[in-house]
Amino acid sequence: MRQRAGAEKTEAFSEAVQEVVQAAHSRIWILAYFISGGSHETIQAIYNTVRAKAQTGLNALVISEFGKGTPKL
C-alpha cells in the first residue's frame, strides 16, 4: 500500500508540474533536491517538455540530484 501511495503522489506531482511547464512562455526553472521516480513515464514527460521548450529558445533550467533514477538531459 505504501508504494502505491508513493506512485499516486508521483503521478499527481508530475501532472501538476507538466501543466505549468506546458503553459510556460518565457522561462522554466525547476529546483528540486529529489524528483521521485525519475524514470517514471510522467516525470519523463516533464523532462521531454522542458527539453522541447528549451530547443525553441525558452529559458529552461532544471537543478536536481543526480542519481540512478535521474535521466541525463
C-alpha atoms as a PDB file:
ATOM      1  CA  MET A   1       0.000   0.000   0.000  1.00  0.00           C
ATOM      2  CA  ARG A   2       2.814   2.414   0.843  1.00  0.00           C
ATOM      3  CA  GLN A   3       4.388   2.022  -2.588  1.00  0.00           C
ATOM      4  CA  ARG A   4       1.037   2.664  -4.260  1.00  0.00           C
ATOM      5  CA  ALA A   5       0.589   5.884  -2.282  1.00  0.00           C
ATOM      6  CA  GLY A   6       4.060   6.971  -3.423  1.00  0.00           C
ATOM      7  CA  ALA A   7       3.172   6.267  -7.049  1.00  0.00           C
ATOM      8  CA  GLU A   8      -0.046   8.265  -6.701  1.00  0.00           C
ATOM      9  CA  LYS A   9       1.902  11.200  -5.264  1.00  0.00           C
ATOM     10  CA  THR A  10       4.429  10.989  -8.111  1.00  0.00           C
ATOM     11  CA  GLU A  11       1.578  10.980 -10.625  1.00  0.00           C
ATOM     12  CA  ALA A  12      -0.194  13.961  -9.014  1.00  0.00           C
ATOM     13  CA  PHE A  13       3.065  15.917  -8.721  1.00  0.00           C
ATOM     14  CA  SER A  14       4.100  15.253 -12.288  1.00  0.00           C
ATOM     15  CA  GLU A  15       0.687  16.117 -13.720  1.00  0.00           C
ATOM     16  CA  ALA A  16       0.662  19.451 -11.892  1.00  0.00           C
ATOM     17  CA  VAL A  17       4.219  20.292 -12.964  1.00  0.00           C
ATOM     18  CA  GLN A  18       3.553  19.203 -16.546  1.00  0.00           C
ATOM     19  CA  GLU A  19       0.607  21.620 -16.782  1.00  0.00           C
ATOM     20  CA  VAL A  20       2.775  24.516 -15.650  1.00  0.00           C
ATOM     21  CA  VAL A  21       5.699  23.528 -17.883  1.00  0.00           C
ATOM     22  CA  GLN A  22       3.451  23.256 -20.939  1.00  0.00           C
ATOM     23  CA  ALA A  23       1.983  26.693 -20.251  1.00  0.00           C
ATOM     24  CA  ALA A  24       5.378  28.415 -19.868  1.00  0.00           C
ATOM     25  CA  HIS A  25       6.079  31.220 -22.335  1.00  0.00           C
ATOM     26  CA  SER A  26       9.316  32.826 -21.180  1.00  0.00           C
ATOM     27  CA  ARG A  27      11.139  30.542 -18.736  1.00  0.00           C
ATOM     28  CA  ILE A  28      11.057  27.242 -16.883  1.00  0.00           C
ATOM     29  CA  TRP A  29      13.149  26.959 -13.751  1.00  0.00           C
ATOM     30  CA  ILE A  30      12.818  23.804 -11.689  1.00  0.00           C
ATOM     31  CA  LEU A  31      14.814  23.300  -8.499  1.00  0.00           C
ATOM     32  CA  ALA A  32      14.166  20.038  -6.690  1.00  0.00           C
ATOM     33  CA  TYR A  33      16.535  18.130  -4.470  1.00  0.00           C
ATOM     34  CA  PHE A  34      14.778  14.880  -5.235  1.00  0.00           C
ATOM     35  CA  ILE A  35      12.419  14.213  -8.106  1.00  0.00           C
ATOM     36  CA  SER A  36      10.843  10.921  -7.139  1.00  0.00           C
ATOM     37  CA  GLY A  37      10.517   8.382  -9.898  1.00  0.00           C
ATOM     38  CA  GLY A  38      12.943   9.984 -12.342  1.00  0.00           C
ATOM     39  CA  SER A  39      12.364   7.105 -14.710  1.00  0.00           C
ATOM     40  CA  HIS A  40       8.572   7.218 -14.273  1.00  0.00           C
ATOM     41  CA  GLU A  41       6.813   7.982 -17.571  1.00  0.00           C
ATOM     42  CA  THR A  42       5.072  11.096 -16.264  1.00  0.00           C
ATOM     43  CA  ILE A  43       8.338  12.517 -14.925  1.00  0.00           C
ATOM     44  CA  GLN A  44       9.938  11.701 -18.285  1.00  0.00           C
ATOM     45  CA  ALA A  45       7.142  13.694 -19.945  1.00  0.00           C
ATOM     46  CA  ILE A  46       8.179  16.738 -17.901  1.00  0.00           C
ATOM     47  CA  TYR A  47      11.814  16.338 -18.934  1.00  0.00           C
ATOM     48  CA  ASN A  48      10.779  15.913 -22.571  1.00  0.00           C
ATOM     49  CA  THR A  49       8.610  19.039 -22.483  1.00  0.00           C
ATOM     50  CA  VAL A  50      11.382  21.087 -20.842  1.00  0.00           C
ATOM     51  CA  ARG A  51      13.844  19.824 -23.457  1.00  0.00           C
ATOM     52  CA  ALA A  52      11.474  20.662 -26.338  1.00  0.00           C
ATOM     53  CA  LYS A  53      10.770  24.149 -24.993  1.00  0.00           C
ATOM     54  CA  ALA A  54      14.496  24.794 -24.473  1.00  0.00           C
ATOM     55  CA  GLN A  55      15.125  23.818 -28.091  1.00  0.00           C
ATOM     56  CA  THR A  56      12.707  26.558 -29.167  1.00  0.00           C
ATOM     57  CA  GLY A  57      14.751  29.131 -27.241  1.00  0.00           C
ATOM     58  CA  LEU A  58      12.800  29.226 -23.981  1.00  0.00           C
ATOM     59  CA  ASN A  59      14.999  29.847 -20.936  1.00  0.00           C
ATOM     60  CA  ALA A  60      14.948  26.413 -19.261  1.00  0.00           C
ATOM     61  CA  LEU A  61      16.845  25.267 -16.191  1.00  0.00           C
ATOM     62  CA  VAL A  62      16.454  22.087 -14.126  1.00  0.00           C
ATOM     63  CA  ILE A  63      18.554  21.612 -10.998  1.00  0.00           C
ATOM     64  CA  SER A  64      18.142  18.305  -9.216  1.00  0.00           C
ATOM     65  CA  GLU A  65      20.099  15.494  -7.643  1.00  0.00           C
ATOM     66  CA  PHE A  66      21.801  13.114  -9.999  1.00  0.00           C
ATOM     67  CA  GLY A  67      21.211   9.509  -9.114  1.00  0.00           C
ATOM     68  CA  LYS A  68      20.217   6.188 -10.541  1.00  0.00           C
ATOM     69  CA  GLY A  69      16.698   7.370 -11.402  1.00  0.00           C
ATOM     70  CA  THR A  70      17.670  10.741 -12.840  1.00  0.00           C
ATOM     71  CA  PRO A  71      17.998  10.761 -16.621  1.00  0.00           C
ATOM     72  CA  LYS A  72      20.640  12.787 -18.413  1.00  0.00           C
ATOM     73  CA  LEU A  73      19.065  15.670 -20.295  1.00  0.00           C
END
